[in-house]
Amino acid sequence: MNVFLNEVELCDLTGRKGVEEGLRYLGNLMPTSSLVVTLGEKGALYLGDGELLSQQAYSAQVVDTTAAGDTFLGFFMAAVVSKSDISTCLRRASKAASLCVARAGASDSIPLERELVSS
């Protein structure tokens, strides 16, 4: 099972102030789950099978963050379904979210798959 949280949700849920501390705490409670924490402009963290991976955010001129989390999650899961390794899933999701936040709106801001390749 994949669990997605943002930084605020993780800290609120676990009662931990540090993201890595909260992530490892939750990982101990849910050892068979893969956990993904989005960190906005700081990127994202993944914890699964005892492995902690970090993905930096791509640089973007932020216009609107409304659909950033949904975009990240959607592109991450699309990469998972296509059998990509987790590093690739994180990279694609982060790239898509960076394109998303550079545009105004919700569904209108979500990039097309081909935009990840062309940027």
PDB file of N, CA and C in Angstrom:
ATOM      1  N   MET A   1       0.846  -1.169   0.000  1.00  0.00           N
ATOM      2  CA  MET A   1       0.000   0.000   0.000  1.00  0.00           C
ATOM      3  C   MET A   1       0.897   1.240   0.000  1.00  0.00           C
ATOM      4  N   ASN A   2       0.542   2.219  -0.816  1.00  0.00           N
ATOM      5  CA  ASN A   2       1.225   3.507  -0.847  1.00  0.00           C
ATOM      6  C   ASN A   2       0.425   4.505  -0.030  1.00  0.00           C
ATOM      7  N   VAL A   3       1.114   5.248   0.813  1.00  0.00           N
ATOM      8  CA  VAL A   3       0.493   6.288   1.623  1.00  0.00           C
ATOM      9  C   VAL A   3       1.170   7.605   1.261  1.00  0.00           C
ATOM     10  N   PHE A   4       0.358   8.605   0.919  1.00  0.00           N
ATOM     11  CA  PHE A   4       0.871   9.923   0.549  1.00  0.00           C
ATOM     12  C   PHE A   4       0.422  10.951   1.564  1.00  0.00           C
ATOM     13  N   LEU A   5       1.367  11.747   2.035  1.00  0.00           N
ATOM     14  CA  LEU A   5       1.084  12.817   2.985  1.00  0.00           C
ATOM     15  C   LEU A   5       1.923  14.030   2.604  1.00  0.00           C
ATOM     16  N   ASN A   6       1.460  15.195   3.004  1.00  0.00           N
ATOM     17  CA  ASN A   6       2.353  16.338   2.888  1.00  0.00           C
ATOM     18  C   ASN A   6       3.034  16.526   4.236  1.00  0.00           C
ATOM     19  N   GLU A   7       3.971  17.445   4.290  1.00  0.00           N
ATOM     20  CA  GLU A   7       4.777  17.646   5.490  1.00  0.00           C
ATOM     21  C   GLU A   7       3.931  17.981   6.720  1.00  0.00           C
ATOM     22  N   VAL A   8       2.956  18.864   6.568  1.00  0.00           N
ATOM     23  CA  VAL A   8       2.094  19.262   7.680  1.00  0.00           C
ATOM     24  C   VAL A   8       1.271  18.070   8.170  1.00  0.00           C
ATOM     25  N   GLU A   9       0.699  17.320   7.240  1.00  0.00           N
ATOM     26  CA  GLU A   9      -0.099  16.148   7.614  1.00  0.00           C
ATOM     27  C   GLU A   9       0.741  15.130   8.374  1.00  0.00           C
ATOM     28  N   LEU A  10       1.962  14.892   7.904  1.00  0.00           N
ATOM     29  CA  LEU A  10       2.836  13.931   8.563  1.00  0.00           C
ATOM     30  C   LEU A  10       3.130  14.351  10.000  1.00  0.00           C
ATOM     31  N   CYS A  11       3.496  15.601  10.192  1.00  0.00           N
ATOM     32  CA  CYS A  11       3.828  16.085  11.536  1.00  0.00           C
ATOM     33  C   CYS A  11       2.606  16.071  12.448  1.00  0.00           C
ATOM     34  N   ASP A  12       1.449  16.455  11.919  1.00  0.00           N
ATOM     35  CA  ASP A  12       0.218  16.413  12.713  1.00  0.00           C
ATOM     36  C   ASP A  12      -0.151  14.979  13.090  1.00  0.00           C
ATOM     37  N   LEU A  13      -0.041  14.071  12.150  1.00  0.00           N
ATOM     38  CA  LEU A  13      -0.426  12.673  12.370  1.00  0.00           C
ATOM     39  C   LEU A  13       0.485  11.979  13.372  1.00  0.00           C
ATOM     40  N   THR A  14       1.776  12.242  13.274  1.00  0.00           N
ATOM     41  CA  THR A  14       2.737  11.521  14.110  1.00  0.00           C
ATOM     42  C   THR A  14       3.096  12.250  15.400  1.00  0.00           C
ATOM     43  N   GLY A  15       2.811  13.548  15.463  1.00  0.00           N
ATOM     44  CA  GLY A  15       3.208  14.328  16.626  1.00  0.00           C
ATOM     45  C   GLY A  15       4.697  14.605  16.663  1.00  0.00           C
ATOM     46  N   ARG A  16       5.381  14.336  15.580  1.00  0.00           N
ATOM     47  CA  ARG A  16       6.822  14.577  15.487  1.00  0.00           C
ATOM     48  C   ARG A  16       7.057  15.897  14.754  1.00  0.00           C
ATOM     49  N   LYS A  17       8.100  16.617  15.152  1.00  0.00           N
ATOM     50  CA  LYS A  17       8.405  17.893  14.508  1.00  0.00           C
ATOM     51  C   LYS A  17       9.274  17.725  13.273  1.00  0.00           C
ATOM     52  N   GLY A  18      10.166  16.773  13.288  1.00  0.00           N
ATOM     53  CA  GLY A  18      11.038  16.538  12.146  1.00  0.00           C
ATOM     54  C   GLY A  18      10.396  15.600  11.144  1.00  0.00           C
ATOM     55  N   VAL A  19      10.574  15.915   9.867  1.00  0.00           N
ATOM     56  CA  VAL A  19       9.956  15.108   8.807  1.00  0.00           C
ATOM     57  C   VAL A  19      10.542  13.700   8.780  1.00  0.00           C
ATOM     58  N   GLU A  20      11.855  13.586   8.788  1.00  0.00           N
ATOM     59  CA  GLU A  20      12.452  12.248   8.744  1.00  0.00           C
ATOM     60  C   GLU A  20      12.083  11.439   9.983  1.00  0.00           C
ATOM     61  N   GLU A  21      12.055  12.093  11.137  1.00  0.00           N
ATOM     62  CA  GLU A  21      11.667  11.408  12.366  1.00  0.00           C
ATOM     63  C   GLU A  21      10.223  10.918  12.268  1.00  0.00           C
ATOM     64  N   GLY A  22       9.329  11.783  11.775  1.00  0.00           N
ATOM     65  CA  GLY A  22       7.934  11.405  11.607  1.00  0.00           C
ATOM     66  C   GLY A  22       7.761  10.293  10.588  1.00  0.00           C
ATOM     67  N   LEU A  23       8.526  10.362   9.515  1.00  0.00           N
ATOM     68  CA  LEU A  23       8.447   9.346   8.465  1.00  0.00           C
ATOM     69  C   LEU A  23       8.905   7.986   8.990  1.00  0.00           C
ATOM     70  N   ARG A  24       9.991   7.964   9.722  1.00  0.00           N
ATOM     71  CA  ARG A  24      10.482   6.688  10.273  1.00  0.00           C
ATOM     72  C   ARG A  24       9.522   6.151  11.345  1.00  0.00           C
ATOM     73  N   TYR A  25       8.937   7.052  12.129  1.00  0.00           N
ATOM     74  CA  TYR A  25       7.949   6.639  13.133  1.00  0.00           C
ATOM     75  C   TYR A  25       6.756   5.970  12.447  1.00  0.00           C
ATOM     76  N   LEU A  26       6.215   6.625  11.428  1.00  0.00           N
ATOM     77  CA  LEU A  26       5.074   6.073  10.700  1.00  0.00           C
ATOM     78  C   LEU A  26       5.469   4.780   9.984  1.00  0.00           C
ATOM     79  N   GLY A  27       6.686   4.748   9.457  1.00  0.00           N
ATOM     80  CA  GLY A  27       7.180   3.532   8.808  1.00  0.00           C
ATOM     81  C   GLY A  27       7.244   2.350   9.752  1.00  0.00           C
ATOM     82  N   ASN A  28       7.582   2.610  11.010  1.00  0.00           N
ATOM     83  CA  ASN A  28       7.597   1.531  12.008  1.00  0.00           C
ATOM     84  C   ASN A  28       6.188   1.041  12.328  1.00  0.00           C
ATOM     85  N   LEU A  29       5.212   1.946  12.265  1.00  0.00           N
ATOM     86  CA  LEU A  29       3.820   1.555  12.510  1.00  0.00           C
ATOM     87  C   LEU A  29       3.214   0.824  11.322  1.00  0.00           C
ATOM     88  N   MET A  30       3.722   1.111  10.125  1.00  0.00           N
ATOM     89  CA  MET A  30       3.179   0.549   8.885  1.00  0.00           C
ATOM     90  C   MET A  30       4.317  -0.069   8.065  1.00  0.00           C
ATOM     91  N   PRO A  31       4.957  -1.105   8.568  1.00  0.00           N
ATOM     92  CA  PRO A  31       6.174  -1.611   7.927  1.00  0.00           C
ATOM     93  C   PRO A  31       5.984  -2.200   6.528  1.00  0.00           C
ATOM     94  N   THR A  32       4.787  -2.564   6.160  1.00  0.00           N
ATOM     95  CA  THR A  32       4.568  -3.126   4.820  1.00  0.00           C
ATOM     96  C   THR A  32       4.101  -2.073   3.820  1.00  0.00           C
ATOM     97  N   SER A  33       4.004  -0.828   4.259  1.00  0.00           N
ATOM     98  CA  SER A  33       3.548   0.254   3.377  1.00  0.00           C
ATOM     99  C   SER A  33       4.729   1.044   2.836  1.00  0.00           C
ATOM    100  N   SER A  34       4.520   1.653   1.691  1.00  0.00           N
ATOM    101  CA  SER A  34       5.453   2.622   1.145  1.00  0.00           C
ATOM    102  C   SER A  34       4.888   3.994   1.454  1.00  0.00           C
ATOM    103  N   LEU A  35       5.731   4.870   1.999  1.00  0.00           N
ATOM    104  CA  LEU A  35       5.292   6.188   2.424  1.00  0.00           C
ATOM    105  C   LEU A  35       5.952   7.259   1.570  1.00  0.00           C
ATOM    106  N   VAL A  36       5.155   8.205   1.100  1.00  0.00           N
ATOM    107  CA  VAL A  36       5.668   9.326   0.318  1.00  0.00           C
ATOM    108  C   VAL A  36       5.215  10.602   1.002  1.00  0.00           C
ATOM    109  N   VAL A  37       6.175  11.481   1.287  1.00  0.00           N
ATOM    110  CA  VAL A  37       5.873  12.764   1.906  1.00  0.00           C
ATOM    111  C   VAL A  37       6.308  13.871   0.961  1.00  0.00           C
ATOM    112  N   THR A  38       5.361  14.709   0.565  1.00  0.00           N
ATOM    113  CA  THR A  38       5.692  15.850  -0.275  1.00  0.00           C
ATOM    114  C   THR A  38       6.078  17.021   0.616  1.00  0.00           C
ATOM    115  N   LEU A  39       7.105  17.744   0.174  1.00  0.00           N
ATOM    116  CA  LEU A  39       7.686  18.812   0.975  1.00  0.00           C
ATOM    117  C   LEU A  39       7.678  20.166   0.253  1.00  0.00           C
ATOM    118  N   GLY A  40       6.796  20.320  -0.728  1.00  0.00           N
ATOM    119  CA  GLY A  40       6.739  21.584  -1.468  1.00  0.00           C
ATOM    120  C   GLY A  40       8.048  21.869  -2.180  1.00  0.00           C
ATOM    121  N   GLU A  41       8.559  23.067  -1.990  1.00  0.00           N
ATOM    122  CA  GLU A  41       9.778  23.476  -2.691  1.00  0.00           C
ATOM    123  C   GLU A  41      11.023  22.705  -2.231  1.00  0.00           C
ATOM    124  N   LYS A  42      10.880  21.910  -1.175  1.00  0.00           N
ATOM    125  CA  LYS A  42      12.001  21.093  -0.696  1.00  0.00           C
ATOM    126  C   LYS A  42      11.979  19.691  -1.301  1.00  0.00           C
ATOM    127  N   GLY A  43      10.973  19.368  -2.105  1.00  0.00           N
ATOM    128  CA  GLY A  43      10.939  18.088  -2.785  1.00  0.00           C
ATOM    129  C   GLY A  43      10.039  17.061  -2.136  1.00  0.00           C
ATOM    130  N   ALA A  44      10.549  15.845  -2.005  1.00  0.00           N
ATOM    131  CA  ALA A  44       9.751  14.745  -1.462  1.00  0.00           C
ATOM    132  C   ALA A  44      10.671  13.686  -0.863  1.00  0.00           C
ATOM    133  N   LEU A  45      10.112  12.910   0.054  1.00  0.00           N
ATOM    134  CA  LEU A  45      10.810  11.771   0.641  1.00  0.00           C
ATOM    135  C   LEU A  45       9.979  10.511   0.431  1.00  0.00           C
ATOM    136  N   TYR A  46      10.658   9.410   0.291  1.00  0.00           N
ATOM    137  CA  TYR A  46      10.015   8.103   0.130  1.00  0.00           C
ATOM    138  C   TYR A  46      10.640   7.150   1.135  1.00  0.00           C
ATOM    139  N   LEU A  47       9.814   6.370   1.810  1.00  0.00           N
ATOM    140  CA  LEU A  47      10.298   5.316   2.693  1.00  0.00           C
ATOM    141  C   LEU A  47       9.546   4.038   2.342  1.00  0.00           C
ATOM    142  N   GLY A  48      10.282   3.031   1.946  1.00  0.00           N
ATOM    143  CA  GLY A  48       9.690   1.739   1.613  1.00  0.00           C
ATOM    144  C   GLY A  48      10.740   0.659   1.687  1.00  0.00           C
ATOM    145  N   ASP A  49      10.385  -0.479   2.219  1.00  0.00           N
ATOM    146  CA  ASP A  49      11.317  -1.603   2.377  1.00  0.00           C
ATOM    147  C   ASP A  49      12.592  -1.176   3.101  1.00  0.00           C
ATOM    148  N   GLY A  50      12.458  -0.261   4.063  1.00  0.00           N
ATOM    149  CA  GLY A  50      13.598   0.207   4.841  1.00  0.00           C
ATOM    150  C   GLY A  50      14.491   1.201   4.129  1.00  0.00           C
ATOM    151  N   GLU A  51      14.150   1.540   2.899  1.00  0.00           N
ATOM    152  CA  GLU A  51      14.964   2.452   2.091  1.00  0.00           C
ATOM    153  C   GLU A  51      14.360   3.859   2.125  1.00  0.00           C
ATOM    154  N   LEU A  52      15.183   4.839   2.437  1.00  0.00           N
ATOM    155  CA  LEU A  52      14.771   6.237   2.441  1.00  0.00           C
ATOM    156  C   LEU A  52      15.372   6.917   1.224  1.00  0.00           C
ATOM    157  N   LEU A  53      14.509   7.455   0.368  1.00  0.00           N
ATOM    158  CA  LEU A  53      14.954   8.173  -0.827  1.00  0.00           C
ATOM    159  C   LEU A  53      14.489   9.621  -0.753  1.00  0.00           C
ATOM    160  N   SER A  54      15.298  10.502  -1.296  1.00  0.00           N
ATOM    161  CA  SER A  54      14.974  11.926  -1.321  1.00  0.00           C
ATOM    162  C   SER A  54      14.947  12.406  -2.759  1.00  0.00           C
ATOM    163  N   GLN A  55      13.994  13.253  -3.084  1.00  0.00           N
ATOM    164  CA  GLN A  55      13.896  13.858  -4.421  1.00  0.00           C
ATOM    165  C   GLN A  55      13.787  15.366  -4.249  1.00  0.00           C
ATOM    166  N   GLN A  56      14.732  16.088  -4.793  1.00  0.00           N
ATOM    167  CA  GLN A  56      14.652  17.537  -4.741  1.00  0.00           C
ATOM    168  C   GLN A  56      13.580  18.024  -5.706  1.00  0.00           C
ATOM    169  N   ALA A  57      12.996  19.172  -5.382  1.00  0.00           N
ATOM    170  CA  ALA A  57      12.012  19.785  -6.276  1.00  0.00           C
ATOM    171  C   ALA A  57      12.746  20.422  -7.452  1.00  0.00           C
ATOM    172  N   TYR A  58      12.088  20.455  -8.576  1.00  0.00           N
ATOM    173  CA  TYR A  58      12.617  21.169  -9.729  1.00  0.00           C
ATOM    174  C   TYR A  58      12.283  22.645  -9.555  1.00  0.00           C
ATOM    175  N   SER A  59      13.146  23.479 -10.037  1.00  0.00           N
ATOM    176  CA  SER A  59      12.939  24.921  -9.927  1.00  0.00           C
ATOM    177  C   SER A  59      11.736  25.347 -10.755  1.00  0.00           C
ATOM    178  N   ALA A  60      10.931  26.234 -10.190  1.00  0.00           N
ATOM    179  CA  ALA A  60       9.746  26.724 -10.898  1.00  0.00           C
ATOM    180  C   ALA A  60       9.395  28.113 -10.396  1.00  0.00           C
ATOM    181  N   GLN A  61       8.858  28.921 -11.281  1.00  0.00           N
ATOM    182  CA  GLN A  61       8.288  30.212 -10.898  1.00  0.00           C
ATOM    183  C   GLN A  61       6.862  29.919 -10.439  1.00  0.00           C
ATOM    184  N   VAL A  62       6.627  29.936  -9.137  1.00  0.00           N
ATOM    185  CA  VAL A  62       5.344  29.506  -8.587  1.00  0.00           C
ATOM    186  C   VAL A  62       4.253  30.541  -8.840  1.00  0.00           C
ATOM    187  N   VAL A  63       3.172  30.062  -9.467  1.00  0.00           N
ATOM    188  CA  VAL A  63       1.994  30.885  -9.746  1.00  0.00           C
ATOM    189  C   VAL A  63       0.826  30.431  -8.867  1.00  0.00           C
ATOM    190  N   ASP A  64       0.630  29.112  -8.769  1.00  0.00           N
ATOM    191  CA  ASP A  64      -0.524  28.566  -8.051  1.00  0.00           C
ATOM    192  C   ASP A  64      -0.203  27.129  -7.631  1.00  0.00           C
ATOM    193  N   THR A  65      -0.339  26.831  -6.362  1.00  0.00           N
ATOM    194  CA  THR A  65      -0.009  25.482  -5.875  1.00  0.00           C
ATOM    195  C   THR A  65      -1.234  24.580  -5.692  1.00  0.00           C
ATOM    196  N   THR A  66      -2.384  25.047  -6.152  1.00  0.00           N
ATOM    197  CA  THR A  66      -3.646  24.336  -5.913  1.00  0.00           C
ATOM    198  C   THR A  66      -3.586  22.848  -6.258  1.00  0.00           C
ATOM    199  N   ALA A  67      -3.072  22.505  -7.404  1.00  0.00           N
ATOM    200  CA  ALA A  67      -3.110  21.103  -7.855  1.00  0.00           C
ATOM    201  C   ALA A  67      -1.763  20.391  -7.734  1.00  0.00           C
ATOM    202  N   ALA A  68      -0.821  20.978  -7.033  1.00  0.00           N
ATOM    203  CA  ALA A  68       0.525  20.400  -6.970  1.00  0.00           C
ATOM    204  C   ALA A  68       0.528  18.999  -6.359  1.00  0.00           C
ATOM    205  N   GLY A  69      -0.129  18.818  -5.230  1.00  0.00           N
ATOM    206  CA  GLY A  69      -0.138  17.507  -4.580  1.00  0.00           C
ATOM    207  C   GLY A  69      -0.833  16.445  -5.402  1.00  0.00           C
ATOM    208  N   ASP A  70      -1.971  16.785  -5.968  1.00  0.00           N
ATOM    209  CA  ASP A  70      -2.700  15.830  -6.806  1.00  0.00           C
ATOM    210  C   ASP A  70      -1.890  15.464  -8.044  1.00  0.00           C
ATOM    211  N   THR A  71      -1.225  16.447  -8.624  1.00  0.00           N
ATOM    212  CA  THR A  71      -0.387  16.194  -9.796  1.00  0.00           C
ATOM    213  C   THR A  71       0.764  15.267  -9.434  1.00  0.00           C
ATOM    214  N   PHE A  72       1.428  15.560  -8.325  1.00  0.00           N
ATOM    215  CA  PHE A  72       2.532  14.706  -7.871  1.00  0.00           C
ATOM    216  C   PHE A  72       2.047  13.276  -7.713  1.00  0.00           C
ATOM    217  N   LEU A  73       0.963  13.098  -6.974  1.00  0.00           N
ATOM    218  CA  LEU A  73       0.429  11.770  -6.702  1.00  0.00           C
ATOM    219  C   LEU A  73       0.054  11.044  -7.999  1.00  0.00           C
ATOM    220  N   GLY A  74      -0.627  11.731  -8.892  1.00  0.00           N
ATOM    221  CA  GLY A  74      -1.059  11.104 -10.144  1.00  0.00           C
ATOM    222  C   GLY A  74       0.101  10.652 -11.011  1.00  0.00           C
ATOM    223  N   PHE A  75       1.107  11.509 -11.157  1.00  0.00           N
ATOM    224  CA  PHE A  75       2.259  11.136 -11.979  1.00  0.00           C
ATOM    225  C   PHE A  75       3.106  10.062 -11.298  1.00  0.00           C
ATOM    226  N   PHE A  76       3.192  10.114  -9.973  1.00  0.00           N
ATOM    227  CA  PHE A  76       3.914   9.070  -9.240  1.00  0.00           C
ATOM    228  C   PHE A  76       3.246   7.721  -9.484  1.00  0.00           C
ATOM    229  N   MET A  77       1.944   7.649  -9.289  1.00  0.00           N
ATOM    230  CA  MET A  77       1.232   6.383  -9.445  1.00  0.00           C
ATOM    231  C   MET A  77       1.233   5.898 -10.894  1.00  0.00           C
ATOM    232  N   ALA A  78       1.165   6.815 -11.851  1.00  0.00           N
ATOM    233  CA  ALA A  78       1.248   6.414 -13.257  1.00  0.00           C
ATOM    234  C   ALA A  78       2.597   5.757 -13.541  1.00  0.00           C
ATOM    235  N   ALA A  79       3.657   6.297 -12.951  1.00  0.00           N
ATOM    236  CA  ALA A  79       4.986   5.706 -13.122  1.00  0.00           C
ATOM    237  C   ALA A  79       5.081   4.350 -12.419  1.00  0.00           C
ATOM    238  N   VAL A  80       4.453   4.223 -11.250  1.00  0.00           N
ATOM    239  CA  VAL A  80       4.429   2.940 -10.538  1.00  0.00           C
ATOM    240  C   VAL A  80       3.727   1.887 -11.398  1.00  0.00           C
ATOM    241  N   VAL A  81       2.587   2.241 -11.941  1.00  0.00           N
ATOM    242  CA  VAL A  81       1.804   1.301 -12.763  1.00  0.00           C
ATOM    243  C   VAL A  81       2.589   0.880 -14.004  1.00  0.00           C
ATOM    244  N   SER A  82       3.424   1.788 -14.525  1.00  0.00           N
ATOM    245  CA  SER A  82       4.214   1.435 -15.710  1.00  0.00           C
ATOM    246  C   SER A  82       5.505   0.697 -15.330  1.00  0.00           C
ATOM    247  N   LYS A  83       5.602   0.306 -14.047  1.00  0.00           N
ATOM    248  CA  LYS A  83       6.709  -0.510 -13.540  1.00  0.00           C
ATOM    249  C   LYS A  83       8.046   0.235 -13.488  1.00  0.00           C
ATOM    250  N   SER A  84       8.014   1.555 -13.339  1.00  0.00           N
ATOM    251  CA  SER A  84       9.247   2.328 -13.180  1.00  0.00           C
ATOM    252  C   SER A  84       9.802   2.121 -11.777  1.00  0.00           C
ATOM    253  N   ASP A  85      11.121   2.271 -11.639  1.00  0.00           N
ATOM    254  CA  ASP A  85      11.709   2.183 -10.310  1.00  0.00           C
ATOM    255  C   ASP A  85      11.295   3.423  -9.512  1.00  0.00           C
ATOM    256  N   ILE A  86      11.418   3.346  -8.197  1.00  0.00           N
ATOM    257  CA  ILE A  86      10.916   4.403  -7.324  1.00  0.00           C
ATOM    258  C   ILE A  86      11.631   5.730  -7.571  1.00  0.00           C
ATOM    259  N   SER A  87      12.905   5.717  -7.851  1.00  0.00           N
ATOM    260  CA  SER A  87      13.616   6.966  -8.149  1.00  0.00           C
ATOM    261  C   SER A  87      13.018   7.658  -9.370  1.00  0.00           C
ATOM    262  N   THR A  88      12.685   6.893 -10.384  1.00  0.00           N
ATOM    263  CA  THR A  88      12.052   7.449 -11.582  1.00  0.00           C
ATOM    264  C   THR A  88      10.661   7.974 -11.250  1.00  0.00           C
ATOM    265  N   CYS A  89       9.912   7.241 -10.444  1.00  0.00           N
ATOM    266  CA  CYS A  89       8.576   7.690 -10.034  1.00  0.00           C
ATOM    267  C   CYS A  89       8.663   9.046  -9.335  1.00  0.00           C
ATOM    268  N   LEU A  90       9.591   9.174  -8.418  1.00  0.00           N
ATOM    269  CA  LEU A  90       9.771  10.431  -7.691  1.00  0.00           C
ATOM    270  C   LEU A  90      10.187  11.565  -8.628  1.00  0.00           C
ATOM    271  N   ARG A  91      11.104  11.279  -9.513  1.00  0.00           N
ATOM    272  CA  ARG A  91      11.609  12.293 -10.454  1.00  0.00           C
ATOM    273  C   ARG A  91      10.486  12.789 -11.373  1.00  0.00           C
ATOM    274  N   ARG A  92       9.717  11.873 -11.928  1.00  0.00           N
ATOM    275  CA  ARG A  92       8.628  12.258 -12.848  1.00  0.00           C
ATOM    276  C   ARG A  92       7.550  13.042 -12.105  1.00  0.00           C
ATOM    277  N   ALA A  93       7.210  12.596 -10.914  1.00  0.00           N
ATOM    278  CA  ALA A  93       6.191  13.283 -10.125  1.00  0.00           C
ATOM    279  C   ALA A  93       6.649  14.692  -9.758  1.00  0.00           C
ATOM    280  N   SER A  94       7.902  14.815  -9.382  1.00  0.00           N
ATOM    281  CA  SER A  94       8.451  16.123  -9.017  1.00  0.00           C
ATOM    282  C   SER A  94       8.486  17.061 -10.220  1.00  0.00           C
ATOM    283  N   LYS A  95       8.868  16.537 -11.355  1.00  0.00           N
ATOM    284  CA  LYS A  95       8.902  17.351 -12.587  1.00  0.00           C
ATOM    285  C   LYS A  95       7.492  17.812 -12.948  1.00  0.00           C
ATOM    286  N   ALA A  96       6.536  16.911 -12.894  1.00  0.00           N
ATOM    287  CA  ALA A  96       5.150  17.269 -13.220  1.00  0.00           C
ATOM    288  C   ALA A  96       4.624  18.325 -12.258  1.00  0.00           C
ATOM    289  N   ALA A  97       4.910  18.175 -10.970  1.00  0.00           N
ATOM    290  CA  ALA A  97       4.450  19.161  -9.984  1.00  0.00           C
ATOM    291  C   ALA A  97       5.084  20.518 -10.227  1.00  0.00           C
ATOM    292  N   SER A  98       6.342  20.539 -10.651  1.00  0.00           N
ATOM    293  CA  SER A  98       6.998  21.823 -10.921  1.00  0.00           C
ATOM    294  C   SER A  98       6.366  22.525 -12.125  1.00  0.00           C
ATOM    295  N   LEU A  99       5.959  21.769 -13.119  1.00  0.00           N
ATOM    296  CA  LEU A  99       5.264  22.368 -14.265  1.00  0.00           C
ATOM    297  C   LEU A  99       3.884  22.865 -13.843  1.00  0.00           C
ATOM    298  N   CYS A 100       3.237  22.106 -12.987  1.00  0.00           N
ATOM    299  CA  CYS A 100       1.897  22.446 -12.510  1.00  0.00           C
ATOM    300  C   CYS A 100       1.876  23.774 -11.753  1.00  0.00           C
ATOM    301  N   VAL A 101       2.802  23.962 -10.814  1.00  0.00           N
ATOM    302  CA  VAL A 101       2.765  25.162  -9.977  1.00  0.00           C
ATOM    303  C   VAL A 101       3.117  26.430 -10.744  1.00  0.00           C
ATOM    304  N   ALA A 102       3.669  26.284 -11.930  1.00  0.00           N
ATOM    305  CA  ALA A 102       4.022  27.438 -12.751  1.00  0.00           C
ATOM    306  C   ALA A 102       2.826  27.962 -13.541  1.00  0.00           C
ATOM    307  N   ARG A 103       1.664  27.353 -13.336  1.00  0.00           N
ATOM    308  CA  ARG A 103       0.445  27.737 -14.060  1.00  0.00           C
ATOM    309  C   ARG A 103      -0.681  28.014 -13.072  1.00  0.00           C
ATOM    310  N   ALA A 104      -1.613  28.820 -13.496  1.00  0.00           N
ATOM    311  CA  ALA A 104      -2.784  29.120 -12.658  1.00  0.00           C
ATOM    312  C   ALA A 104      -3.847  28.041 -12.850  1.00  0.00           C
ATOM    313  N   GLY A 105      -4.612  27.811 -11.795  1.00  0.00           N
ATOM    314  CA  GLY A 105      -5.762  26.918 -11.889  1.00  0.00           C
ATOM    315  C   GLY A 105      -5.500  25.560 -11.291  1.00  0.00           C
ATOM    316  N   ALA A 106      -6.522  24.743 -11.347  1.00  0.00           N
ATOM    317  CA  ALA A 106      -6.428  23.388 -10.802  1.00  0.00           C
ATOM    318  C   ALA A 106      -6.202  22.411 -11.956  1.00  0.00           C
ATOM    319  N   SER A 107      -7.263  21.876 -12.535  1.00  0.00           N
ATOM    320  CA  SER A 107      -7.080  20.879 -13.597  1.00  0.00           C
ATOM    321  C   SER A 107      -6.378  21.467 -14.826  1.00  0.00           C
ATOM    322  N   ASP A 108      -6.549  22.752 -15.071  1.00  0.00           N
ATOM    323  CA  ASP A 108      -5.887  23.391 -16.212  1.00  0.00           C
ATOM    324  C   ASP A 108      -4.370  23.443 -16.054  1.00  0.00           C
ATOM    325  N   SER A 109      -3.894  23.358 -14.825  1.00  0.00           N
ATOM    326  CA  SER A 109      -2.459  23.482 -14.584  1.00  0.00           C
ATOM    327  C   SER A 109      -1.711  22.145 -14.676  1.00  0.00           C
ATOM    328  N   ILE A 110      -2.435  21.051 -14.702  1.00  0.00           N
ATOM    329  CA  ILE A 110      -1.789  19.737 -14.731  1.00  0.00           C
ATOM    330  C   ILE A 110      -1.186  19.500 -16.118  1.00  0.00           C
ATOM    331  N   PRO A 111       0.125  19.190 -16.154  1.00  0.00           N
ATOM    332  CA  PRO A 111       0.777  19.010 -17.456  1.00  0.00           C
ATOM    333  C   PRO A 111       0.372  17.708 -18.136  1.00  0.00           C
ATOM    334  N   LEU A 112       0.554  17.696 -19.429  1.00  0.00           N
ATOM    335  CA  LEU A 112       0.382  16.468 -20.206  1.00  0.00           C
ATOM    336  C   LEU A 112       1.665  15.660 -20.127  1.00  0.00           C
ATOM    337  N   GLU A 113       1.550  14.380 -20.318  1.00  0.00           N
ATOM    338  CA  GLU A 113       2.708  13.489 -20.273  1.00  0.00           C
ATOM    339  C   GLU A 113       3.834  13.976 -21.192  1.00  0.00           C
ATOM    340  N   ARG A 114       3.490  14.400 -22.386  1.00  0.00           N
ATOM    341  CA  ARG A 114       4.506  14.828 -23.361  1.00  0.00           C
ATOM    342  C   ARG A 114       5.271  16.066 -22.904  1.00  0.00           C
ATOM    343  N   GLU A 115       4.684  16.854 -22.006  1.00  0.00           N
ATOM    344  CA  GLU A 115       5.371  18.042 -21.511  1.00  0.00           C
ATOM    345  C   GLU A 115       6.534  17.687 -20.601  1.00  0.00           C
ATOM    346  N   LEU A 116       6.494  16.556 -19.960  1.00  0.00           N
ATOM    347  CA  LEU A 116       7.612  16.139 -19.121  1.00  0.00           C
ATOM    348  C   LEU A 116       8.830  15.823 -19.954  1.00  0.00           C
ATOM    349  N   VAL A 117       8.593  15.272 -21.137  1.00  0.00           N
ATOM    350  CA  VAL A 117       9.683  14.918 -22.040  1.00  0.00           C
ATOM    351  C   VAL A 117      10.264  16.158 -22.698  1.00  0.00           C
ATOM    352  N   SER A 118       9.403  17.104 -23.034  1.00  0.00           N
ATOM    353  CA  SER A 118       9.863  18.269 -23.800  1.00  0.00           C
ATOM    354  C   SER A 118      10.477  19.363 -22.936  1.00  0.00           C
ATOM    355  N   SER A 119      10.347  19.258 -21.619  1.00  0.00           N
ATOM    356  CA  SER A 119      10.903  20.329 -20.779  1.00  0.00           C
ATOM    357  C   SER A 119      12.217  19.933 -20.156  1.00  0.00           C
TER     358      SER A 119
END
